[in-house]
Amino acid sequence: MEVWVGGFAEAVQERVRRARAAVAAAYEAEDAYEVSVAEDELDDALRVARGLGVDPDAAPEAENGGAG
């Protein structure tokens, strides 16, 4: 069952995407502090997404059936 749809789900998914990118950038920069901060943000973003029933890995178009 899809609990959240549309813009809200996309915002949650975008938060997860940004957090994942921050983790990757922190590892690339070899910055242990930034890795820790970025991983905490990613954990929180994933927790929120799953708690709200939003698939953090779904493509935004899949949320609305590809209609545009």
PDB file of N, CA and C in Angstrom:
ATOM      1  N   MET A   1       0.846  -1.191   0.000  1.00  0.00           N
ATOM      2  CA  MET A   1       0.000   0.000   0.000  1.00  0.00           C
ATOM      3  C   MET A   1       0.883   1.242   0.000  1.00  0.00           C
ATOM      4  N   GLU A   2       0.644   2.145  -0.913  1.00  0.00           N
ATOM      5  CA  GLU A   2       1.378   3.402  -0.985  1.00  0.00           C
ATOM      6  C   GLU A   2       0.693   4.429  -0.098  1.00  0.00           C
ATOM      7  N   VAL A   3       1.372   4.809   0.976  1.00  0.00           N
ATOM      8  CA  VAL A   3       0.784   5.739   1.936  1.00  0.00           C
ATOM      9  C   VAL A   3       0.894   7.176   1.438  1.00  0.00           C
ATOM     10  N   TRP A   4       2.053   7.546   0.912  1.00  0.00           N
ATOM     11  CA  TRP A   4       2.300   8.928   0.479  1.00  0.00           C
ATOM     12  C   TRP A   4       2.527   8.937  -1.026  1.00  0.00           C
ATOM     13  N   VAL A   5       1.993   9.941  -1.697  1.00  0.00           N
ATOM     14  CA  VAL A   5       2.177  10.044  -3.135  1.00  0.00           C
ATOM     15  C   VAL A   5       2.568  11.459  -3.508  1.00  0.00           C
ATOM     16  N   GLY A   6       2.971  11.594  -4.747  1.00  0.00           N
ATOM     17  CA  GLY A   6       3.205  12.911  -5.308  1.00  0.00           C
ATOM     18  C   GLY A   6       4.427  13.611  -4.745  1.00  0.00           C
ATOM     19  N   GLY A   7       4.298  14.906  -4.599  1.00  0.00           N
ATOM     20  CA  GLY A   7       5.401  15.764  -4.204  1.00  0.00           C
ATOM     21  C   GLY A   7       6.035  15.402  -2.883  1.00  0.00           C
ATOM     22  N   PHE A   8       5.240  14.967  -1.922  1.00  0.00           N
ATOM     23  CA  PHE A   8       5.802  14.627  -0.622  1.00  0.00           C
ATOM     24  C   PHE A   8       6.736  13.433  -0.737  1.00  0.00           C
ATOM     25  N   ALA A   9       6.294  12.392  -1.415  1.00  0.00           N
ATOM     26  CA  ALA A   9       7.139  11.208  -1.589  1.00  0.00           C
ATOM     27  C   ALA A   9       8.414  11.572  -2.342  1.00  0.00           C
ATOM     28  N   GLU A  10       8.287  12.404  -3.352  1.00  0.00           N
ATOM     29  CA  GLU A  10       9.464  12.825  -4.111  1.00  0.00           C
ATOM     30  C   GLU A  10      10.430  13.606  -3.231  1.00  0.00           C
ATOM     31  N   ALA A  11       9.925  14.430  -2.333  1.00  0.00           N
ATOM     32  CA  ALA A  11      10.785  15.192  -1.421  1.00  0.00           C
ATOM     33  C   ALA A  11      11.543  14.256  -0.484  1.00  0.00           C
ATOM     34  N   VAL A  12      10.860  13.240   0.011  1.00  0.00           N
ATOM     35  CA  VAL A  12      11.510  12.263   0.888  1.00  0.00           C
ATOM     36  C   VAL A  12      12.581  11.507   0.115  1.00  0.00           C
ATOM     37  N   GLN A  13      12.265  11.081  -1.099  1.00  0.00           N
ATOM     38  CA  GLN A  13      13.237  10.371  -1.929  1.00  0.00           C
ATOM     39  C   GLN A  13      14.425  11.268  -2.264  1.00  0.00           C
ATOM     40  N   GLU A  14      14.179  12.542  -2.516  1.00  0.00           N
ATOM     41  CA  GLU A  14      15.267  13.477  -2.811  1.00  0.00           C
ATOM     42  C   GLU A  14      16.180  13.634  -1.601  1.00  0.00           C
ATOM     43  N   ARG A  15      15.601  13.655  -0.408  1.00  0.00           N
ATOM     44  CA  ARG A  15      16.426  13.745   0.802  1.00  0.00           C
ATOM     45  C   ARG A  15      17.349  12.534   0.894  1.00  0.00           C
ATOM     46  N   VAL A  16      16.841  11.362   0.586  1.00  0.00           N
ATOM     47  CA  VAL A  16      17.656  10.143   0.614  1.00  0.00           C
ATOM     48  C   VAL A  16      18.756  10.230  -0.446  1.00  0.00           C
ATOM     49  N   ARG A  17      18.415  10.661  -1.657  1.00  0.00           N
ATOM     50  CA  ARG A  17      19.414  10.779  -2.730  1.00  0.00           C
ATOM     51  C   ARG A  17      20.529  11.749  -2.339  1.00  0.00           C
ATOM     52  N   ARG A  18      20.153  12.883  -1.769  1.00  0.00           N
ATOM     53  CA  ARG A  18      21.160  13.870  -1.365  1.00  0.00           C
ATOM     54  C   ARG A  18      22.044  13.331  -0.249  1.00  0.00           C
ATOM     55  N   ALA A  19      21.431  12.621   0.686  1.00  0.00           N
ATOM     56  CA  ALA A  19      22.206  12.043   1.786  1.00  0.00           C
ATOM     57  C   ALA A  19      23.187  11.002   1.262  1.00  0.00           C
ATOM     58  N   ARG A  20      22.748  10.172   0.321  1.00  0.00           N
ATOM     59  CA  ARG A  20      23.644   9.172  -0.264  1.00  0.00           C
ATOM     60  C   ARG A  20      24.800   9.845  -0.996  1.00  0.00           C
ATOM     61  N   ALA A  21      24.510  10.915  -1.701  1.00  0.00           N
ATOM     62  CA  ALA A  21      25.561  11.645  -2.413  1.00  0.00           C
ATOM     63  C   ALA A  21      26.550  12.261  -1.427  1.00  0.00           C
ATOM     64  N   ALA A  22      26.054  12.768  -0.312  1.00  0.00           N
ATOM     65  CA  ALA A  22      26.929  13.351   0.705  1.00  0.00           C
ATOM     66  C   ALA A  22      27.841  12.295   1.321  1.00  0.00           C
ATOM     67  N   VAL A  23      27.306  11.101   1.535  1.00  0.00           N
ATOM     68  CA  VAL A  23      28.128  10.002   2.065  1.00  0.00           C
ATOM     69  C   VAL A  23      29.240   9.680   1.068  1.00  0.00           C
ATOM     70  N   ALA A  24      28.887   9.553  -0.194  1.00  0.00           N
ATOM     71  CA  ALA A  24      29.885   9.237  -1.216  1.00  0.00           C
ATOM     72  C   ALA A  24      30.957  10.322  -1.300  1.00  0.00           C
ATOM     73  N   ALA A  25      30.539  11.580  -1.256  1.00  0.00           N
ATOM     74  CA  ALA A  25      31.496  12.685  -1.338  1.00  0.00           C
ATOM     75  C   ALA A  25      32.420  12.706  -0.121  1.00  0.00           C
ATOM     76  N   ALA A  26      31.868  12.425   1.044  1.00  0.00           N
ATOM     77  CA  ALA A  26      32.680  12.422   2.253  1.00  0.00           C
ATOM     78  C   ALA A  26      33.723  11.302   2.211  1.00  0.00           C
ATOM     79  N   TYR A  27      33.316  10.123   1.732  1.00  0.00           N
ATOM     80  CA  TYR A  27      34.286   9.035   1.588  1.00  0.00           C
ATOM     81  C   TYR A  27      35.360   9.397   0.575  1.00  0.00           C
ATOM     82  N   GLU A  28      34.940   9.997  -0.529  1.00  0.00           N
ATOM     83  CA  GLU A  28      35.909  10.387  -1.557  1.00  0.00           C
ATOM     84  C   GLU A  28      36.903  11.402  -1.015  1.00  0.00           C
ATOM     85  N   ALA A  29      36.425  12.304  -0.172  1.00  0.00           N
ATOM     86  CA  ALA A  29      37.290  13.327   0.423  1.00  0.00           C
ATOM     87  C   ALA A  29      38.106  12.784   1.592  1.00  0.00           C
ATOM     88  N   GLU A  30      37.824  11.531   1.987  1.00  0.00           N
ATOM     89  CA  GLU A  30      38.507  10.903   3.109  1.00  0.00           C
ATOM     90  C   GLU A  30      38.398  11.749   4.383  1.00  0.00           C
ATOM     91  N   ASP A  31      37.197  12.278   4.612  1.00  0.00           N
ATOM     92  CA  ASP A  31      36.923  13.128   5.768  1.00  0.00           C
ATOM     93  C   ASP A  31      36.067  12.343   6.762  1.00  0.00           C
ATOM     94  N   ALA A  32      36.699  11.819   7.790  1.00  0.00           N
ATOM     95  CA  ALA A  32      36.013  10.945   8.748  1.00  0.00           C
ATOM     96  C   ALA A  32      34.845  11.647   9.439  1.00  0.00           C
ATOM     97  N   TYR A  33      35.011  12.913   9.775  1.00  0.00           N
ATOM     98  CA  TYR A  33      33.926  13.638  10.431  1.00  0.00           C
ATOM     99  C   TYR A  33      32.736  13.779   9.487  1.00  0.00           C
ATOM    100  N   GLU A  34      32.972  14.193   8.256  1.00  0.00           N
ATOM    101  CA  GLU A  34      31.889  14.349   7.288  1.00  0.00           C
ATOM    102  C   GLU A  34      31.230  13.015   6.958  1.00  0.00           C
ATOM    103  N   VAL A  35      31.994  11.941   6.943  1.00  0.00           N
ATOM    104  CA  VAL A  35      31.409  10.614   6.737  1.00  0.00           C
ATOM    105  C   VAL A  35      30.417  10.325   7.848  1.00  0.00           C
ATOM    106  N   SER A  36      30.813  10.585   9.079  1.00  0.00           N
ATOM    107  CA  SER A  36      29.941  10.328  10.222  1.00  0.00           C
ATOM    108  C   SER A  36      28.664  11.155  10.152  1.00  0.00           C
ATOM    109  N   VAL A  37      28.805  12.435   9.851  1.00  0.00           N
ATOM    110  CA  VAL A  37      27.641  13.321   9.753  1.00  0.00           C
ATOM    111  C   VAL A  37      26.734  12.877   8.604  1.00  0.00           C
ATOM    112  N   ALA A  38      27.321  12.582   7.456  1.00  0.00           N
ATOM    113  CA  ALA A  38      26.539  12.184   6.284  1.00  0.00           C
ATOM    114  C   ALA A  38      25.835  10.850   6.516  1.00  0.00           C
ATOM    115  N   GLU A  39      26.514   9.910   7.149  1.00  0.00           N
ATOM    116  CA  GLU A  39      25.875   8.623   7.430  1.00  0.00           C
ATOM    117  C   GLU A  39      24.718   8.775   8.410  1.00  0.00           C
ATOM    118  N   ASP A  40      24.863   9.660   9.387  1.00  0.00           N
ATOM    119  CA  ASP A  40      23.753   9.919  10.315  1.00  0.00           C
ATOM    120  C   ASP A  40      22.551  10.493   9.578  1.00  0.00           C
ATOM    121  N   GLU A  41      22.804  11.430   8.656  1.00  0.00           N
ATOM    122  CA  GLU A  41      21.712  12.015   7.873  1.00  0.00           C
ATOM    123  C   GLU A  41      21.058  10.957   6.995  1.00  0.00           C
ATOM    124  N   LEU A  42      21.860  10.104   6.382  1.00  0.00           N
ATOM    125  CA  LEU A  42      21.306   9.039   5.548  1.00  0.00           C
ATOM    126  C   LEU A  42      20.461   8.085   6.385  1.00  0.00           C
ATOM    127  N   ASP A  43      20.952   7.690   7.532  1.00  0.00           N
ATOM    128  CA  ASP A  43      20.178   6.808   8.416  1.00  0.00           C
ATOM    129  C   ASP A  43      18.840   7.436   8.777  1.00  0.00           C
ATOM    130  N   ASP A  44      18.868   8.724   9.099  1.00  0.00           N
ATOM    131  CA  ASP A  44      17.630   9.413   9.472  1.00  0.00           C
ATOM    132  C   ASP A  44      16.679   9.520   8.287  1.00  0.00           C
ATOM    133  N   ALA A  45      17.208   9.863   7.121  1.00  0.00           N
ATOM    134  CA  ALA A  45      16.372   9.984   5.930  1.00  0.00           C
ATOM    135  C   ALA A  45      15.717   8.650   5.575  1.00  0.00           C
ATOM    136  N   LEU A  46      16.476   7.564   5.677  1.00  0.00           N
ATOM    137  CA  LEU A  46      15.917   6.237   5.385  1.00  0.00           C
ATOM    138  C   LEU A  46      14.874   5.837   6.427  1.00  0.00           C
ATOM    139  N   ARG A  47      15.130   6.162   7.679  1.00  0.00           N
ATOM    140  CA  ARG A  47      14.173   5.848   8.740  1.00  0.00           C
ATOM    141  C   ARG A  47      12.859   6.575   8.503  1.00  0.00           C
ATOM    142  N   VAL A  48      12.943   7.848   8.158  1.00  0.00           N
ATOM    143  CA  VAL A  48      11.739   8.636   7.887  1.00  0.00           C
ATOM    144  C   VAL A  48      10.991   8.067   6.684  1.00  0.00           C
ATOM    145  N   ALA A  49      11.706   7.788   5.610  1.00  0.00           N
ATOM    146  CA  ALA A  49      11.068   7.257   4.399  1.00  0.00           C
ATOM    147  C   ALA A  49      10.339   5.952   4.698  1.00  0.00           C
ATOM    148  N   ARG A  50      11.018   5.047   5.331  1.00  0.00           N
ATOM    149  CA  ARG A  50      10.402   3.743   5.618  1.00  0.00           C
ATOM    150  C   ARG A  50       9.268   3.879   6.612  1.00  0.00           C
ATOM    151  N   GLY A  51       9.408   4.764   7.576  1.00  0.00           N
ATOM    152  CA  GLY A  51       8.350   4.979   8.559  1.00  0.00           C
ATOM    153  C   GLY A  51       7.083   5.538   7.935  1.00  0.00           C
ATOM    154  N   LEU A  52       7.245   6.272   6.841  1.00  0.00           N
ATOM    155  CA  LEU A  52       6.095   6.858   6.149  1.00  0.00           C
ATOM    156  C   LEU A  52       5.595   5.991   5.004  1.00  0.00           C
ATOM    157  N   GLY A  53       6.263   4.868   4.785  1.00  0.00           N
ATOM    158  CA  GLY A  53       5.845   3.977   3.703  1.00  0.00           C
ATOM    159  C   GLY A  53       6.294   4.439   2.336  1.00  0.00           C
ATOM    160  N   VAL A  54       7.335   5.265   2.274  1.00  0.00           N
ATOM    161  CA  VAL A  54       7.868   5.753   1.003  1.00  0.00           C
ATOM    162  C   VAL A  54       9.055   4.883   0.621  1.00  0.00           C
ATOM    163  N   ASP A  55       9.025   4.324  -0.587  1.00  0.00           N
ATOM    164  CA  ASP A  55      10.148   3.535  -1.077  1.00  0.00           C
ATOM    165  C   ASP A  55      11.269   4.498  -1.446  1.00  0.00           C
ATOM    166  N   PRO A  56      12.371   4.491  -0.693  1.00  0.00           N
ATOM    167  CA  PRO A  56      13.423   5.471  -0.968  1.00  0.00           C
ATOM    168  C   PRO A  56      14.131   5.255  -2.292  1.00  0.00           C
ATOM    169  N   ASP A  57      13.958   4.084  -2.897  1.00  0.00           N
ATOM    170  CA  ASP A  57      14.650   3.766  -4.147  1.00  0.00           C
ATOM    171  C   ASP A  57      13.759   3.833  -5.377  1.00  0.00           C
ATOM    172  N   ALA A  58      12.482   4.121  -5.197  1.00  0.00           N
ATOM    173  CA  ALA A  58      11.566   4.182  -6.338  1.00  0.00           C
ATOM    174  C   ALA A  58      11.860   5.425  -7.169  1.00  0.00           C
ATOM    175  N   ALA A  59      11.759   5.270  -8.476  1.00  0.00           N
ATOM    176  CA  ALA A  59      11.912   6.417  -9.362  1.00  0.00           C
ATOM    177  C   ALA A  59      10.697   7.318  -9.195  1.00  0.00           C
ATOM    178  N   PRO A  60      10.891   8.638  -9.222  1.00  0.00           N
ATOM    179  CA  PRO A  60       9.750   9.550  -9.052  1.00  0.00           C
ATOM    180  C   PRO A  60       8.612   9.276 -10.022  1.00  0.00           C
ATOM    181  N   GLU A  61       8.920   8.910 -11.284  1.00  0.00           N
ATOM    182  CA  GLU A  61       7.868   8.628 -12.257  1.00  0.00           C
ATOM    183  C   GLU A  61       7.023   7.422 -11.854  1.00  0.00           C
ATOM    184  N   ALA A  62       7.632   6.476 -11.149  1.00  0.00           N
ATOM    185  CA  ALA A  62       6.905   5.278 -10.722  1.00  0.00           C
ATOM    186  C   ALA A  62       5.839   5.634  -9.701  1.00  0.00           C
ATOM    187  N   GLU A  63       6.030   6.727  -8.995  1.00  0.00           N
ATOM    188  CA  GLU A  63       5.061   7.145  -7.986  1.00  0.00           C
ATOM    189  C   GLU A  63       3.725   7.524  -8.594  1.00  0.00           C
ATOM    190  N   ASN A  64       3.757   8.106  -9.796  1.00  0.00           N
ATOM    191  CA  ASN A  64       2.507   8.572 -10.399  1.00  0.00           C
ATOM    192  C   ASN A  64       2.194   7.849 -11.693  1.00  0.00           C
ATOM    193  N   GLY A  65       2.771   6.677 -11.858  1.00  0.00           N
ATOM    194  CA  GLY A  65       2.480   5.872 -13.037  1.00  0.00           C
ATOM    195  C   GLY A  65       3.102   6.386 -14.310  1.00  0.00           C
ATOM    196  N   GLY A  66       4.067   7.299 -14.189  1.00  0.00           N
ATOM    197  CA  GLY A  66       4.748   7.814 -15.361  1.00  0.00           C
ATOM    198  C   GLY A  66       4.010   8.941 -16.050  1.00  0.00           C
ATOM    199  N   ALA A  67       2.855   9.344 -15.505  1.00  0.00           N
ATOM    200  CA  ALA A  67       2.093  10.446 -16.120  1.00  0.00           C
ATOM    201  C   ALA A  67       2.863  11.736 -15.932  1.00  0.00           C
ATOM    202  N   GLY A  68       2.806  12.603 -16.916  1.00  0.00           N
ATOM    203  CA  GLY A  68       3.551  13.835 -16.779  1.00  0.00           C
ATOM    204  C   GLY A  68       2.830  15.027 -17.261  1.00  0.00           C
TER     205      GLY A  68
END
